[in-house]
Amino acid sequence: LVDSGLMIRRTYQEPGQRPRDGYCLTEAGRQFNVVLYALQQWGDE
């Protein structure tokens, strides 16, 4: 998902912990919501 541009890595760090990678959606990833909802709506029906 990162390689495809749907997500990006962002480093975060909790107090007293080592830095870790977080995974955040890009605009393309956020727009995937339409695809998921279309499949869900179809499945519901």
ModelCIF file with pLDDT and N, C-alpha, C, O atoms, coordinates in Angstrom:
data_MODEL
#
_entry.id   MODEL 
#
_entity.id                         1 
_entity.type                       polymer 
_entity.pdbx_number_of_molecules   1 
#
_entity_poly.entity_id                      1 
_entity_poly.type                           'polypeptide(L)' 
_entity_poly.nstd_linkage                   no 
_entity_poly.nstd_monomer                   no 
_entity_poly.pdbx_seq_one_letter_code       LVDSGLMIRRTYQEPGQRPRDGYCLTEAGRQFNVVLYALQQWGDE 
_entity_poly.pdbx_seq_one_letter_code_can   LVDSGLMIRRTYQEPGQRPRDGYCLTEAGRQFNVVLYALQQWGDE 
_entity_poly.pdbx_strand_id                 A 
#
loop_
_entity_poly_seq.entity_id 
_entity_poly_seq.num 
_entity_poly_seq.mon_id 
_entity_poly_seq.hetero 
1 1  LEU n 
1 2  VAL n 
1 3  ASP n 
1 4  SER n 
1 5  GLY n 
1 6  LEU n 
1 7  MET n 
1 8  ILE n 
1 9  ARG n 
1 10 ARG n 
1 11 THR n 
1 12 TYR n 
1 13 GLN n 
1 14 GLU n 
1 15 PRO n 
1 16 GLY n 
1 17 GLN n 
1 18 ARG n 
1 19 PRO n 
1 20 ARG n 
1 21 ASP n 
1 22 GLY n 
1 23 TYR n 
1 24 CYS n 
1 25 LEU n 
1 26 THR n 
1 27 GLU n 
1 28 ALA n 
1 29 GLY n 
1 30 ARG n 
1 31 GLN n 
1 32 PHE n 
1 33 ASN n 
1 34 VAL n 
1 35 VAL n 
1 36 LEU n 
1 37 TYR n 
1 38 ALA n 
1 39 LEU n 
1 40 GLN n 
1 41 GLN n 
1 42 TRP n 
1 43 GLY n 
1 44 ASP n 
1 45 GLU n 
#
_struct_asym.id          A 
_struct_asym.entity_id   1 
#
loop_
_ma_qa_metric.id 
_ma_qa_metric.mode 
_ma_qa_metric.name 
_ma_qa_metric.software_group_id 
_ma_qa_metric.type 
1 global pLDDT . pLDDT 
2 local  pLDDT . pLDDT 
#
_ma_qa_metric_global.metric_id      1 
_ma_qa_metric_global.metric_value   93.42 
_ma_qa_metric_global.model_id       1 
_ma_qa_metric_global.ordinal_id     1 
#
loop_
_ma_qa_metric_local.label_asym_id 
_ma_qa_metric_local.label_comp_id 
_ma_qa_metric_local.label_seq_id 
_ma_qa_metric_local.metric_id 
_ma_qa_metric_local.metric_value 
_ma_qa_metric_local.model_id 
_ma_qa_metric_local.ordinal_id 
A LEU 1  2 97.00 1 1  
A VAL 2  2 98.00 1 2  
A ASP 3  2 97.00 1 3  
A SER 4  2 96.00 1 4  
A GLY 5  2 97.00 1 5  
A LEU 6  2 97.00 1 6  
A MET 7  2 98.00 1 7  
A ILE 8  2 98.00 1 8  
A ARG 9  2 97.00 1 9  
A ARG 10 2 96.00 1 10 
A THR 11 2 95.00 1 11 
A TYR 12 2 93.00 1 12 
A GLN 13 2 93.00 1 13 
A GLU 14 2 90.00 1 14 
A PRO 15 2 94.00 1 15 
A GLY 16 2 94.00 1 16 
A GLN 17 2 92.00 1 17 
A ARG 18 2 94.00 1 18 
A PRO 19 2 95.00 1 19 
A ARG 20 2 93.00 1 20 
A ASP 21 2 93.00 1 21 
A GLY 22 2 96.00 1 22 
A TYR 23 2 98.00 1 23 
A CYS 24 2 97.00 1 24 
A LEU 25 2 98.00 1 25 
A THR 26 2 98.00 1 26 
A GLU 27 2 97.00 1 27 
A ALA 28 2 96.00 1 28 
A GLY 29 2 96.00 1 29 
A ARG 30 2 95.00 1 30 
A GLN 31 2 95.00 1 31 
A PHE 32 2 94.00 1 32 
A ASN 33 2 92.00 1 33 
A VAL 34 2 92.00 1 34 
A VAL 35 2 92.00 1 35 
A LEU 36 2 90.00 1 36 
A TYR 37 2 90.00 1 37 
A ALA 38 2 91.00 1 38 
A LEU 39 2 89.00 1 39 
A GLN 40 2 87.00 1 40 
A GLN 41 2 86.00 1 41 
A TRP 42 2 86.00 1 42 
A GLY 43 2 86.00 1 43 
A ASP 44 2 83.00 1 44 
A GLU 45 2 83.00 1 45 
#
loop_
_atom_site.group_PDB 
_atom_site.id 
_atom_site.type_symbol 
_atom_site.label_atom_id 
_atom_site.label_alt_id 
_atom_site.label_comp_id 
_atom_site.label_asym_id 
_atom_site.label_entity_id 
_atom_site.label_seq_id 
_atom_site.pdbx_PDB_ins_code 
_atom_site.Cartn_x 
_atom_site.Cartn_y 
_atom_site.Cartn_z 
_atom_site.occupancy 
_atom_site.B_iso_or_equiv 
_atom_site.pdbx_formal_charge 
_atom_site.auth_seq_id 
_atom_site.auth_comp_id 
_atom_site.auth_asym_id 
_atom_site.auth_atom_id 
_atom_site.pdbx_PDB_model_num 
ATOM 1   N N  . LEU A 1 1  ? 0.821   -1.208 0.000  1.00 97.00 ? 1  LEU A N  1 
ATOM 2   C CA . LEU A 1 1  ? 0.000   0.000  0.000  1.00 97.00 ? 1  LEU A CA 1 
ATOM 3   C C  . LEU A 1 1  ? 0.859   1.262  0.000  1.00 97.00 ? 1  LEU A C  1 
ATOM 4   O O  . LEU A 1 1  ? 0.487   2.264  -0.612 1.00 97.00 ? 1  LEU A O  1 
ATOM 5   N N  . VAL A 1 2  ? 1.993   1.221  0.676  1.00 98.00 ? 2  VAL A N  1 
ATOM 6   C CA . VAL A 1 2  ? 2.919   2.360  0.657  1.00 98.00 ? 2  VAL A CA 1 
ATOM 7   C C  . VAL A 1 2  ? 3.542   2.487  -0.729 1.00 98.00 ? 2  VAL A C  1 
ATOM 8   O O  . VAL A 1 2  ? 3.591   3.579  -1.295 1.00 98.00 ? 2  VAL A O  1 
ATOM 9   N N  . ASP A 1 3  ? 4.016   1.373  -1.271 1.00 97.00 ? 3  ASP A N  1 
ATOM 10  C CA . ASP A 1 3  ? 4.639   1.397  -2.603 1.00 97.00 ? 3  ASP A CA 1 
ATOM 11  C C  . ASP A 1 3  ? 3.675   1.885  -3.681 1.00 97.00 ? 3  ASP A C  1 
ATOM 12  O O  . ASP A 1 3  ? 4.094   2.512  -4.654 1.00 97.00 ? 3  ASP A O  1 
ATOM 13  N N  . SER A 1 4  ? 2.396   1.599  -3.511 1.00 96.00 ? 4  SER A N  1 
ATOM 14  C CA . SER A 1 4  ? 1.401   1.976  -4.512 1.00 96.00 ? 4  SER A CA 1 
ATOM 15  C C  . SER A 1 4  ? 0.909   3.405  -4.357 1.00 96.00 ? 4  SER A C  1 
ATOM 16  O O  . SER A 1 4  ? 0.218   3.918  -5.237 1.00 96.00 ? 4  SER A O  1 
ATOM 17  N N  . GLY A 1 5  ? 1.256   4.061  -3.241 1.00 97.00 ? 5  GLY A N  1 
ATOM 18  C CA . GLY A 1 5  ? 0.830   5.433  -3.029 1.00 97.00 ? 5  GLY A CA 1 
ATOM 19  C C  . GLY A 1 5  ? -0.514  5.587  -2.330 1.00 97.00 ? 5  GLY A C  1 
ATOM 20  O O  . GLY A 1 5  ? -1.046  6.695  -2.260 1.00 97.00 ? 5  GLY A O  1 
ATOM 21  N N  . LEU A 1 6  ? -1.077  4.483  -1.805 1.00 97.00 ? 6  LEU A N  1 
ATOM 22  C CA . LEU A 1 6  ? -2.332  4.588  -1.067 1.00 97.00 ? 6  LEU A CA 1 
ATOM 23  C C  . LEU A 1 6  ? -2.088  4.945  0.400  1.00 97.00 ? 6  LEU A C  1 
ATOM 24  O O  . LEU A 1 6  ? -2.969  5.480  1.074  1.00 97.00 ? 6  LEU A O  1 
ATOM 25  N N  . MET A 1 7  ? -0.892  4.644  0.880  1.00 98.00 ? 7  MET A N  1 
ATOM 26  C CA . MET A 1 7  ? -0.518  4.992  2.258  1.00 98.00 ? 7  MET A CA 1 
ATOM 27  C C  . MET A 1 7  ? 0.903   5.540  2.248  1.00 98.00 ? 7  MET A C  1 
ATOM 28  O O  . MET A 1 7  ? 1.670   5.312  1.313  1.00 98.00 ? 7  MET A O  1 
ATOM 29  N N  . ILE A 1 8  ? 1.234   6.266  3.309  1.00 98.00 ? 8  ILE A N  1 
ATOM 30  C CA . ILE A 1 8  ? 2.598   6.719  3.526  1.00 98.00 ? 8  ILE A CA 1 
ATOM 31  C C  . ILE A 1 8  ? 3.005   6.330  4.942  1.00 98.00 ? 8  ILE A C  1 
ATOM 32  O O  . ILE A 1 8  ? 2.168   6.161  5.829  1.00 98.00 ? 8  ILE A O  1 
ATOM 33  N N  . ARG A 1 9  ? 4.316   6.193  5.128  1.00 97.00 ? 9  ARG A N  1 
ATOM 34  C CA . ARG A 1 9  ? 4.839   5.921  6.470  1.00 97.00 ? 9  ARG A CA 1 
ATOM 35  C C  . ARG A 1 9  ? 5.097   7.257  7.161  1.00 97.00 ? 9  ARG A C  1 
ATOM 36  O O  . ARG A 1 9  ? 5.642   8.190  6.573  1.00 97.00 ? 9  ARG A O  1 
ATOM 37  N N  . ARG A 1 10 ? 4.690   7.320  8.421  1.00 96.00 ? 10 ARG A N  1 
ATOM 38  C CA . ARG A 1 10 ? 4.994   8.483  9.252  1.00 96.00 ? 10 ARG A CA 1 
ATOM 39  C C  . ARG A 1 10 ? 5.517   7.969  10.583 1.00 96.00 ? 10 ARG A C  1 
ATOM 40  O O  . ARG A 1 10 ? 4.895   7.122  11.224 1.00 96.00 ? 10 ARG A O  1 
ATOM 41  N N  . THR A 1 11 ? 6.646   8.483  10.982 1.00 95.00 ? 11 THR A N  1 
ATOM 42  C CA . THR A 1 11 ? 7.226   8.056  12.254 1.00 95.00 ? 11 THR A CA 1 
ATOM 43  C C  . THR A 1 11 ? 6.490   8.730  13.401 1.00 95.00 ? 11 THR A C  1 
ATOM 44  O O  . THR A 1 11 ? 6.191   9.923  13.354 1.00 95.00 ? 11 THR A O  1 
ATOM 45  N N  . TYR A 1 12 ? 6.207   7.947  14.428 1.00 93.00 ? 12 TYR A N  1 
ATOM 46  C CA . TYR A 1 12 ? 5.618   8.476  15.652 1.00 93.00 ? 12 TYR A CA 1 
ATOM 47  C C  . TYR A 1 12 ? 6.384   7.877  16.817 1.00 93.00 ? 12 TYR A C  1 
ATOM 48  O O  . TYR A 1 12 ? 7.067   6.863  16.668 1.00 93.00 ? 12 TYR A O  1 
ATOM 49  N N  . GLN A 1 13 ? 6.267   8.509  17.978 1.00 93.00 ? 13 GLN A N  1 
ATOM 50  C CA . GLN A 1 13 ? 6.958   7.999  19.151 1.00 93.00 ? 13 GLN A CA 1 
ATOM 51  C C  . GLN A 1 13 ? 6.119   8.265  20.392 1.00 93.00 ? 13 GLN A C  1 
ATOM 52  O O  . GLN A 1 13 ? 5.771   9.406  20.694 1.00 93.00 ? 13 GLN A O  1 
ATOM 53  N N  . GLU A 1 14 ? 5.805   7.205  21.095 1.00 90.00 ? 14 GLU A N  1 
ATOM 54  C CA . GLU A 1 14 ? 5.110   7.315  22.371 1.00 90.00 ? 14 GLU A CA 1 
ATOM 55  C C  . GLU A 1 14 ? 6.135   7.676  23.434 1.00 90.00 ? 14 GLU A C  1 
ATOM 56  O O  . GLU A 1 14 ? 7.295   7.281  23.317 1.00 90.00 ? 14 GLU A O  1 
ATOM 57  N N  . PRO A 1 15 ? 5.747   8.410  24.461 1.00 94.00 ? 15 PRO A N  1 
ATOM 58  C CA . PRO A 1 15 ? 6.694   8.759  25.531 1.00 94.00 ? 15 PRO A CA 1 
ATOM 59  C C  . PRO A 1 15 ? 7.372   7.509  26.107 1.00 94.00 ? 15 PRO A C  1 
ATOM 60  O O  . PRO A 1 15 ? 6.710   6.546  26.493 1.00 94.00 ? 15 PRO A O  1 
ATOM 61  N N  . GLY A 1 16 ? 8.682   7.551  26.152 1.00 94.00 ? 16 GLY A N  1 
ATOM 62  C CA . GLY A 1 16 ? 9.461   6.451  26.696 1.00 94.00 ? 16 GLY A CA 1 
ATOM 63  C C  . GLY A 1 16 ? 9.627   5.261  25.772 1.00 94.00 ? 16 GLY A C  1 
ATOM 64  O O  . GLY A 1 16 ? 10.196  4.244  26.168 1.00 94.00 ? 16 GLY A O  1 
ATOM 65  N N  . GLN A 1 17 ? 9.141   5.374  24.553 1.00 92.00 ? 17 GLN A N  1 
ATOM 66  C CA . GLN A 1 17 ? 9.233   4.266  23.596 1.00 92.00 ? 17 GLN A CA 1 
ATOM 67  C C  . GLN A 1 17 ? 10.134  4.651  22.426 1.00 92.00 ? 17 GLN A C  1 
ATOM 68  O O  . GLN A 1 17 ? 10.430  5.828  22.222 1.00 92.00 ? 17 GLN A O  1 
ATOM 69  N N  . ARG A 1 18 ? 10.558  3.666  21.675 1.00 94.00 ? 18 ARG A N  1 
ATOM 70  C CA . ARG A 1 18 ? 11.368  3.926  20.483 1.00 94.00 ? 18 ARG A CA 1 
ATOM 71  C C  . ARG A 1 18 ? 10.462  4.433  19.362 1.00 94.00 ? 18 ARG A C  1 
ATOM 72  O O  . ARG A 1 18 ? 9.261   4.164  19.366 1.00 94.00 ? 18 ARG A O  1 
ATOM 73  N N  . PRO A 1 19 ? 11.027  5.160  18.411 1.00 95.00 ? 19 PRO A N  1 
ATOM 74  C CA . PRO A 1 19 ? 10.219  5.598  17.262 1.00 95.00 ? 19 PRO A CA 1 
ATOM 75  C C  . PRO A 1 19 ? 9.711   4.400  16.459 1.00 95.00 ? 19 PRO A C  1 
ATOM 76  O O  . PRO A 1 19 ? 10.399  3.388  16.330 1.00 95.00 ? 19 PRO A O  1 
ATOM 77  N N  . ARG A 1 20 ? 8.517   4.529  15.933 1.00 93.00 ? 20 ARG A N  1 
ATOM 78  C CA . ARG A 1 20 ? 7.909   3.468  15.121 1.00 93.00 ? 20 ARG A CA 1 
ATOM 79  C C  . ARG A 1 20 ? 7.277   4.097  13.885 1.00 93.00 ? 20 ARG A C  1 
ATOM 80  O O  . ARG A 1 20 ? 6.987   5.293  13.848 1.00 93.00 ? 20 ARG A O  1 
ATOM 81  N N  . ASP A 1 21 ? 7.075   3.256  12.881 1.00 93.00 ? 21 ASP A N  1 
ATOM 82  C CA . ASP A 1 21 ? 6.380   3.719  11.677 1.00 93.00 ? 21 ASP A CA 1 
ATOM 83  C C  . ASP A 1 21 ? 4.876   3.593  11.870 1.00 93.00 ? 21 ASP A C  1 
ATOM 84  O O  . ASP A 1 21 ? 4.373   2.561  12.313 1.00 93.00 ? 21 ASP A O  1 
ATOM 85  N N  . GLY A 1 22 ? 4.178   4.656  11.532 1.00 96.00 ? 22 GLY A N  1 
ATOM 86  C CA . GLY A 1 22 ? 2.724   4.616  11.433 1.00 96.00 ? 22 GLY A CA 1 
ATOM 87  C C  . GLY A 1 22 ? 2.369   4.623  9.958  1.00 96.00 ? 22 GLY A C  1 
ATOM 88  O O  . GLY A 1 22 ? 3.201   4.970  9.119  1.00 96.00 ? 22 GLY A O  1 
ATOM 89  N N  . TYR A 1 23 ? 1.163   4.249  9.640  1.00 98.00 ? 23 TYR A N  1 
ATOM 90  C CA . TYR A 1 23 ? 0.730   4.146  8.246  1.00 98.00 ? 23 TYR A CA 1 
ATOM 91  C C  . TYR A 1 23 ? -0.509  4.998  8.053  1.00 98.00 ? 23 TYR A C  1 
ATOM 92  O O  . TYR A 1 23 ? -1.577  4.696  8.586  1.00 98.00 ? 23 TYR A O  1 
ATOM 93  N N  . CYS A 1 24 ? -0.355  6.069  7.282  1.00 97.00 ? 24 CYS A N  1 
ATOM 94  C CA . CYS A 1 24 ? -1.433  7.035  7.067  1.00 97.00 ? 24 CYS A CA 1 
ATOM 95  C C  . CYS A 1 24 ? -1.884  6.985  5.610  1.00 97.00 ? 24 CYS A C  1 
ATOM 96  O O  . CYS A 1 24 ? -1.081  6.791  4.698  1.00 97.00 ? 24 CYS A O  1 
ATOM 97  N N  . LEU A 1 25 ? -3.175  7.163  5.418  1.00 98.00 ? 25 LEU A N  1 
ATOM 98  C CA . LEU A 1 25 ? -3.724  7.179  4.071  1.00 98.00 ? 25 LEU A CA 1 
ATOM 99  C C  . LEU A 1 25 ? -3.330  8.455  3.329  1.00 98.00 ? 25 LEU A C  1 
ATOM 100 O O  . LEU A 1 25 ? -3.284  9.539  3.910  1.00 98.00 ? 25 LEU A O  1 
ATOM 101 N N  . THR A 1 26 ? -3.052  8.306  2.063  1.00 98.00 ? 26 THR A N  1 
ATOM 102 C CA . THR A 1 26 ? -2.873  9.455  1.180  1.00 98.00 ? 26 THR A CA 1 
ATOM 103 C C  . THR A 1 26 ? -4.264  9.848  0.678  1.00 98.00 ? 26 THR A C  1 
ATOM 104 O O  . THR A 1 26 ? -5.255  9.212  1.037  1.00 98.00 ? 26 THR A O  1 
ATOM 105 N N  . GLU A 1 27 ? -4.337  10.873 -0.133 1.00 97.00 ? 27 GLU A N  1 
ATOM 106 C CA . GLU A 1 27 ? -5.631  11.253 -0.722 1.00 97.00 ? 27 GLU A CA 1 
ATOM 107 C C  . GLU A 1 27 ? -6.197  10.094 -1.538 1.00 97.00 ? 27 GLU A C  1 
ATOM 108 O O  . GLU A 1 27 ? -7.395  9.816  -1.475 1.00 97.00 ? 27 GLU A O  1 
ATOM 109 N N  . ALA A 1 28 ? -5.341  9.420  -2.302 1.00 96.00 ? 28 ALA A N  1 
ATOM 110 C CA . ALA A 1 28 ? -5.805  8.261  -3.078 1.00 96.00 ? 28 ALA A CA 1 
ATOM 111 C C  . ALA A 1 28 ? -6.346  7.175  -2.146 1.00 96.00 ? 28 ALA A C  1 
ATOM 112 O O  . ALA A 1 28 ? -7.352  6.537  -2.456 1.00 96.00 ? 28 ALA A O  1 
ATOM 113 N N  . GLY A 1 29 ? -5.695  6.966  -1.032 1.00 96.00 ? 29 GLY A N  1 
ATOM 114 C CA . GLY A 1 29 ? -6.166  5.985  -0.059 1.00 96.00 ? 29 GLY A CA 1 
ATOM 115 C C  . GLY A 1 29 ? -7.493  6.378  0.557  1.00 96.00 ? 29 GLY A C  1 
ATOM 116 O O  . GLY A 1 29 ? -8.367  5.533  0.744  1.00 96.00 ? 29 GLY A O  1 
ATOM 117 N N  . ARG A 1 30 ? -7.651  7.657  0.874  1.00 95.00 ? 30 ARG A N  1 
ATOM 118 C CA . ARG A 1 30 ? -8.922  8.130  1.438  1.00 95.00 ? 30 ARG A CA 1 
ATOM 119 C C  . ARG A 1 30 ? -10.055 7.994  0.424  1.00 95.00 ? 30 ARG A C  1 
ATOM 120 O O  . ARG A 1 30 ? -11.192 7.707  0.800  1.00 95.00 ? 30 ARG A O  1 
ATOM 121 N N  . GLN A 1 31 ? -9.755  8.196  -0.852 1.00 95.00 ? 31 GLN A N  1 
ATOM 122 C CA . GLN A 1 31 ? -10.777 8.065  -1.889 1.00 95.00 ? 31 GLN A CA 1 
ATOM 123 C C  . GLN A 1 31 ? -11.206 6.621  -2.102 1.00 95.00 ? 31 GLN A C  1 
ATOM 124 O O  . GLN A 1 31 ? -12.245 6.364  -2.711 1.00 95.00 ? 31 GLN A O  1 
ATOM 125 N N  . PHE A 1 32 ? -10.414 5.677  -1.606 1.00 94.00 ? 32 PHE A N  1 
ATOM 126 C CA . PHE A 1 32 ? -10.781 4.265  -1.710 1.00 94.00 ? 32 PHE A CA 1 
ATOM 127 C C  . PHE A 1 32 ? -12.048 3.967  -0.907 1.00 94.00 ? 32 PHE A C  1 
ATOM 128 O O  . PHE A 1 32 ? -12.679 2.927  -1.099 1.00 94.00 ? 32 PHE A O  1 
ATOM 129 N N  . ASN A 1 33 ? -12.410 4.863  -0.027 1.00 92.00 ? 33 ASN A N  1 
ATOM 130 C CA . ASN A 1 33 ? -13.640 4.743  0.747  1.00 92.00 ? 33 ASN A CA 1 
ATOM 131 C C  . ASN A 1 33 ? -14.836 4.489  -0.173 1.00 92.00 ? 33 ASN A C  1 
ATOM 132 O O  . ASN A 1 33 ? -15.730 3.715  0.169  1.00 92.00 ? 33 ASN A O  1 
ATOM 133 N N  . VAL A 1 34 ? -14.853 5.131  -1.327 1.00 92.00 ? 34 VAL A N  1 
ATOM 134 C CA . VAL A 1 34 ? -15.955 4.961  -2.282 1.00 92.00 ? 34 VAL A CA 1 
ATOM 135 C C  . VAL A 1 34 ? -16.018 3.510  -2.768 1.00 92.00 ? 34 VAL A C  1 
ATOM 136 O O  . VAL A 1 34 ? -17.102 2.940  -2.895 1.00 92.00 ? 34 VAL A O  1 
ATOM 137 N N  . VAL A 1 35 ? -14.865 2.925  -3.036 1.00 92.00 ? 35 VAL A N  1 
ATOM 138 C CA . VAL A 1 35 ? -14.813 1.541  -3.511 1.00 92.00 ? 35 VAL A CA 1 
ATOM 139 C C  . VAL A 1 35 ? -15.320 0.597  -2.425 1.00 92.00 ? 35 VAL A C  1 
ATOM 140 O O  . VAL A 1 35 ? -16.143 -0.280 -2.687 1.00 92.00 ? 35 VAL A O  1 
ATOM 141 N N  . LEU A 1 36 ? -14.823 0.784  -1.205 1.00 90.00 ? 36 LEU A N  1 
ATOM 142 C CA . LEU A 1 36 ? -15.269 -0.080 -0.106 1.00 90.00 ? 36 LEU A CA 1 
ATOM 143 C C  . LEU A 1 36 ? -16.765 0.051  0.124  1.00 90.00 ? 36 LEU A C  1 
ATOM 144 O O  . LEU A 1 36 ? -17.455 -0.949 0.324  1.00 90.00 ? 36 LEU A O  1 
ATOM 145 N N  . TYR A 1 37 ? -17.267 1.276  0.096  1.00 90.00 ? 37 TYR A N  1 
ATOM 146 C CA . TYR A 1 37 ? -18.693 1.464  0.337  1.00 90.00 ? 37 TYR A CA 1 
ATOM 147 C C  . TYR A 1 37 ? -19.528 0.891  -0.797 1.00 90.00 ? 37 TYR A C  1 
ATOM 148 O O  . TYR A 1 37 ? -20.595 0.329  -0.552 1.00 90.00 ? 37 TYR A O  1 
ATOM 149 N N  . ALA A 1 38 ? -19.062 1.023  -2.024 1.00 91.00 ? 38 ALA A N  1 
ATOM 150 C CA . ALA A 1 38 ? -19.802 0.444  -3.150 1.00 91.00 ? 38 ALA A CA 1 
ATOM 151 C C  . ALA A 1 38 ? -19.924 -1.070 -2.974 1.00 91.00 ? 38 ALA A C  1 
ATOM 152 O O  . ALA A 1 38 ? -20.998 -1.630 -3.195 1.00 91.00 ? 38 ALA A O  1 
ATOM 153 N N  . LEU A 1 39 ? -18.851 -1.727 -2.586 1.00 89.00 ? 39 LEU A N  1 
ATOM 154 C CA . LEU A 1 39 ? -18.903 -3.176 -2.361 1.00 89.00 ? 39 LEU A CA 1 
ATOM 155 C C  . LEU A 1 39 ? -19.818 -3.515 -1.193 1.00 89.00 ? 39 LEU A C  1 
ATOM 156 O O  . LEU A 1 39 ? -20.579 -4.480 -1.256 1.00 89.00 ? 39 LEU A O  1 
ATOM 157 N N  . GLN A 1 40 ? -19.745 -2.725 -0.134 1.00 87.00 ? 40 GLN A N  1 
ATOM 158 C CA . GLN A 1 40 ? -20.603 -2.977 1.017  1.00 87.00 ? 40 GLN A CA 1 
ATOM 159 C C  . GLN A 1 40 ? -22.068 -2.775 0.651  1.00 87.00 ? 40 GLN A C  1 
ATOM 160 O O  . GLN A 1 40 ? -22.918 -3.591 1.008  1.00 87.00 ? 40 GLN A O  1 
ATOM 161 N N  . GLN A 1 41 ? -22.361 -1.701 -0.052 1.00 86.00 ? 41 GLN A N  1 
ATOM 162 C CA . GLN A 1 41 ? -23.737 -1.410 -0.451 1.00 86.00 ? 41 GLN A CA 1 
ATOM 163 C C  . GLN A 1 41 ? -24.275 -2.531 -1.334 1.00 86.00 ? 41 GLN A C  1 
ATOM 164 O O  . GLN A 1 41 ? -25.421 -2.950 -1.175 1.00 86.00 ? 41 GLN A O  1 
ATOM 165 N N  . TRP A 1 42 ? -23.458 -3.014 -2.258 1.00 86.00 ? 42 TRP A N  1 
ATOM 166 C CA . TRP A 1 42 ? -23.855 -4.123 -3.110 1.00 86.00 ? 42 TRP A CA 1 
ATOM 167 C C  . TRP A 1 42 ? -24.105 -5.375 -2.258 1.00 86.00 ? 42 TRP A C  1 
ATOM 168 O O  . TRP A 1 42 ? -25.109 -6.064 -2.442 1.00 86.00 ? 42 TRP A O  1 
ATOM 169 N N  . GLY A 1 43 ? -23.188 -5.666 -1.326 1.00 86.00 ? 43 GLY A N  1 
ATOM 170 C CA . GLY A 1 43 ? -23.359 -6.827 -0.453 1.00 86.00 ? 43 GLY A CA 1 
ATOM 171 C C  . GLY A 1 43 ? -24.597 -6.734 0.412  1.00 86.00 ? 43 GLY A C  1 
ATOM 172 O O  . GLY A 1 43 ? -25.305 -7.724 0.598  1.00 86.00 ? 43 GLY A O  1 
ATOM 173 N N  . ASP A 1 44 ? -24.867 -5.536 0.951  1.00 83.00 ? 44 ASP A N  1 
ATOM 174 C CA . ASP A 1 44 ? -26.070 -5.353 1.769  1.00 83.00 ? 44 ASP A CA 1 
ATOM 175 C C  . ASP A 1 44 ? -27.335 -5.667 0.974  1.00 83.00 ? 44 ASP A C  1 
ATOM 176 O O  . ASP A 1 44 ? -28.297 -6.213 1.513  1.00 83.00 ? 44 ASP A O  1 
ATOM 177 N N  . GLU A 1 45 ? -27.322 -5.319 -0.303 1.00 83.00 ? 45 GLU A N  1 
ATOM 178 C CA . GLU A 1 45 ? -28.507 -5.519 -1.134 1.00 83.00 ? 45 GLU A CA 1 
ATOM 179 C C  . GLU A 1 45 ? -28.622 -6.943 -1.678 1.00 83.00 ? 45 GLU A C  1 
ATOM 180 O O  . GLU A 1 45 ? -29.573 -7.255 -2.395 1.00 83.00 ? 45 GLU A O  1 
#
